[in-house]
Amino acid sequence: MVQFSTSEFRLTPHIDNLEVANSFAVTNAFCSQFSRGVYAIFGFYDKKSVNTITSFC
């Protein structure tokens, strides 16, 4: 049996601005967002942070 929720679907932005060259800041921001229930992260591709971000995927 399939159950559907009647609650309204909403997107709520949770924005972090950080220095992408700082891998600790990137990791901390990623974990902080994930702990809030954020499962999609959008941003610019930067070769300084791509290895840190892809390590979580």
N, C-alpha and C. Protein backbone atom coordinates (compact mmCIF):
# COMPACT_ATOMS: atom_id res chain seq x y z
N MET A 1 0.84 -1.18 0.00
CA MET A 1 0.00 0.00 0.00
C MET A 1 0.89 1.25 0.00
N VAL A 2 0.60 2.17 -0.88
CA VAL A 2 1.36 3.41 -1.00
C VAL A 2 0.68 4.49 -0.17
N GLN A 3 1.47 5.20 0.62
CA GLN A 3 0.92 6.30 1.41
C GLN A 3 1.55 7.60 0.93
N PHE A 4 0.72 8.60 0.77
CA PHE A 4 1.19 9.91 0.34
C PHE A 4 1.01 10.91 1.48
N SER A 5 1.99 11.77 1.61
CA SER A 5 1.92 12.82 2.62
C SER A 5 1.08 13.97 2.09
N THR A 6 0.29 14.54 2.95
CA THR A 6 -0.51 15.70 2.55
C THR A 6 0.19 17.01 2.89
N SER A 7 1.37 16.92 3.51
CA SER A 7 2.08 18.15 3.84
C SER A 7 2.70 18.76 2.59
N GLU A 8 2.82 20.06 2.59
CA GLU A 8 3.37 20.79 1.45
C GLU A 8 4.88 20.62 1.38
N PHE A 9 5.37 20.43 0.18
CA PHE A 9 6.81 20.30 -0.05
C PHE A 9 7.42 21.69 -0.20
N ARG A 10 8.47 21.97 0.57
CA ARG A 10 9.13 23.28 0.49
C ARG A 10 10.64 23.10 0.47
N LEU A 11 11.29 23.94 -0.26
CA LEU A 11 12.75 24.01 -0.24
C LEU A 11 13.15 25.18 0.64
N THR A 12 14.05 24.94 1.56
CA THR A 12 14.53 25.98 2.44
C THR A 12 16.04 26.10 2.27
N PRO A 13 16.53 27.27 1.87
CA PRO A 13 17.98 27.40 1.67
C PRO A 13 18.74 27.46 2.98
N HIS A 14 19.84 26.76 3.03
CA HIS A 14 20.81 26.83 4.14
C HIS A 14 22.14 27.15 3.48
N ILE A 15 22.57 28.39 3.57
CA ILE A 15 23.71 28.86 2.80
C ILE A 15 24.94 29.04 3.69
N ASP A 16 26.05 28.48 3.23
CA ASP A 16 27.35 28.69 3.86
C ASP A 16 28.28 29.30 2.81
N ASN A 17 28.91 30.40 3.15
CA ASN A 17 29.95 30.98 2.29
C ASN A 17 31.28 30.68 2.95
N LEU A 18 32.20 30.08 2.19
CA LEU A 18 33.46 29.69 2.79
C LEU A 18 34.58 29.74 1.77
N GLU A 19 35.78 29.71 2.27
CA GLU A 19 36.99 29.71 1.43
C GLU A 19 37.23 28.27 0.97
N VAL A 20 37.12 28.06 -0.34
CA VAL A 20 37.20 26.69 -0.87
C VAL A 20 38.59 26.09 -0.75
N ALA A 21 39.61 26.89 -0.60
CA ALA A 21 40.96 26.36 -0.46
C ALA A 21 41.19 25.75 0.92
N ASN A 22 40.32 26.03 1.87
CA ASN A 22 40.43 25.52 3.23
C ASN A 22 39.61 24.23 3.33
N SER A 23 40.28 23.08 3.21
CA SER A 23 39.56 21.80 3.20
C SER A 23 38.84 21.53 4.52
N PHE A 24 39.38 22.03 5.63
CA PHE A 24 38.69 21.86 6.92
C PHE A 24 37.36 22.61 6.91
N ALA A 25 37.35 23.83 6.40
CA ALA A 25 36.11 24.62 6.34
C ALA A 25 35.09 23.96 5.42
N VAL A 26 35.56 23.42 4.30
CA VAL A 26 34.66 22.74 3.36
C VAL A 26 34.05 21.51 4.03
N THR A 27 34.88 20.71 4.68
CA THR A 27 34.40 19.50 5.36
C THR A 27 33.44 19.85 6.48
N ASN A 28 33.77 20.86 7.27
CA ASN A 28 32.91 21.29 8.37
C ASN A 28 31.55 21.77 7.85
N ALA A 29 31.56 22.56 6.79
CA ALA A 29 30.31 23.06 6.22
C ALA A 29 29.47 21.91 5.66
N PHE A 30 30.12 20.97 4.99
CA PHE A 30 29.41 19.82 4.43
C PHE A 30 28.74 19.01 5.54
N CYS A 31 29.48 18.69 6.59
CA CYS A 31 28.94 17.90 7.70
C CYS A 31 27.83 18.66 8.42
N SER A 32 27.99 19.96 8.57
CA SER A 32 26.98 20.77 9.21
C SER A 32 25.68 20.76 8.41
N GLN A 33 25.79 20.91 7.09
CA GLN A 33 24.61 20.87 6.23
C GLN A 33 23.95 19.50 6.28
N PHE A 34 24.75 18.45 6.19
CA PHE A 34 24.22 17.09 6.21
C PHE A 34 23.47 16.81 7.52
N SER A 35 23.98 17.32 8.64
CA SER A 35 23.33 17.10 9.93
C SER A 35 22.00 17.82 10.03
N ARG A 36 21.79 18.85 9.21
CA ARG A 36 20.50 19.57 9.17
C ARG A 36 19.50 18.90 8.25
N GLY A 37 19.92 17.85 7.56
CA GLY A 37 19.01 17.17 6.63
C GLY A 37 19.16 17.64 5.20
N VAL A 38 20.22 18.37 4.90
CA VAL A 38 20.47 18.82 3.54
C VAL A 38 21.11 17.68 2.77
N TYR A 39 20.54 17.32 1.62
CA TYR A 39 21.06 16.21 0.84
C TYR A 39 21.46 16.61 -0.57
N ALA A 40 21.41 17.88 -0.89
CA ALA A 40 21.86 18.37 -2.19
C ALA A 40 22.68 19.63 -1.96
N ILE A 41 23.83 19.67 -2.58
CA ILE A 41 24.71 20.82 -2.44
C ILE A 41 25.02 21.36 -3.82
N PHE A 42 24.79 22.65 -4.00
CA PHE A 42 25.05 23.31 -5.27
C PHE A 42 26.16 24.31 -5.08
N GLY A 43 26.97 24.45 -6.07
CA GLY A 43 28.05 25.42 -5.99
C GLY A 43 28.91 25.35 -7.23
N PHE A 44 29.91 26.18 -7.24
CA PHE A 44 30.82 26.21 -8.37
C PHE A 44 31.85 25.10 -8.25
N TYR A 45 32.22 24.56 -9.37
CA TYR A 45 33.30 23.58 -9.41
C TYR A 45 34.62 24.31 -9.19
N ASP A 46 35.40 23.85 -8.25
CA ASP A 46 36.70 24.45 -7.99
C ASP A 46 37.69 23.34 -7.73
N LYS A 47 38.79 23.34 -8.46
CA LYS A 47 39.74 22.24 -8.32
C LYS A 47 40.40 22.21 -6.94
N LYS A 48 40.29 23.28 -6.16
CA LYS A 48 40.84 23.29 -4.80
C LYS A 48 39.97 22.48 -3.83
N SER A 49 38.69 22.38 -4.12
CA SER A 49 37.78 21.70 -3.19
C SER A 49 37.14 20.44 -3.74
N VAL A 50 37.31 20.15 -5.02
CA VAL A 50 36.60 19.03 -5.63
C VAL A 50 36.94 17.70 -4.98
N ASN A 51 38.18 17.48 -4.59
CA ASN A 51 38.53 16.21 -3.95
C ASN A 51 37.87 16.05 -2.59
N THR A 52 37.76 17.13 -1.85
CA THR A 52 37.10 17.07 -0.54
C THR A 52 35.62 16.76 -0.70
N ILE A 53 34.96 17.45 -1.60
CA ILE A 53 33.52 17.25 -1.80
C ILE A 53 33.23 15.86 -2.35
N THR A 54 33.97 15.42 -3.36
CA THR A 54 33.69 14.11 -3.95
C THR A 54 34.01 12.96 -3.01
N SER A 55 34.82 13.19 -2.01
CA SER A 55 35.11 12.12 -1.05
C SER A 55 33.88 11.76 -0.23
N PHE A 56 32.88 12.65 -0.16
CA PHE A 56 31.65 12.37 0.57
C PHE A 56 30.63 11.65 -0.29
N CYS A 57 30.80 11.67 -1.60
CA CYS A 57 29.80 11.08 -2.51
C CYS A 57 30.03 9.61 -2.72
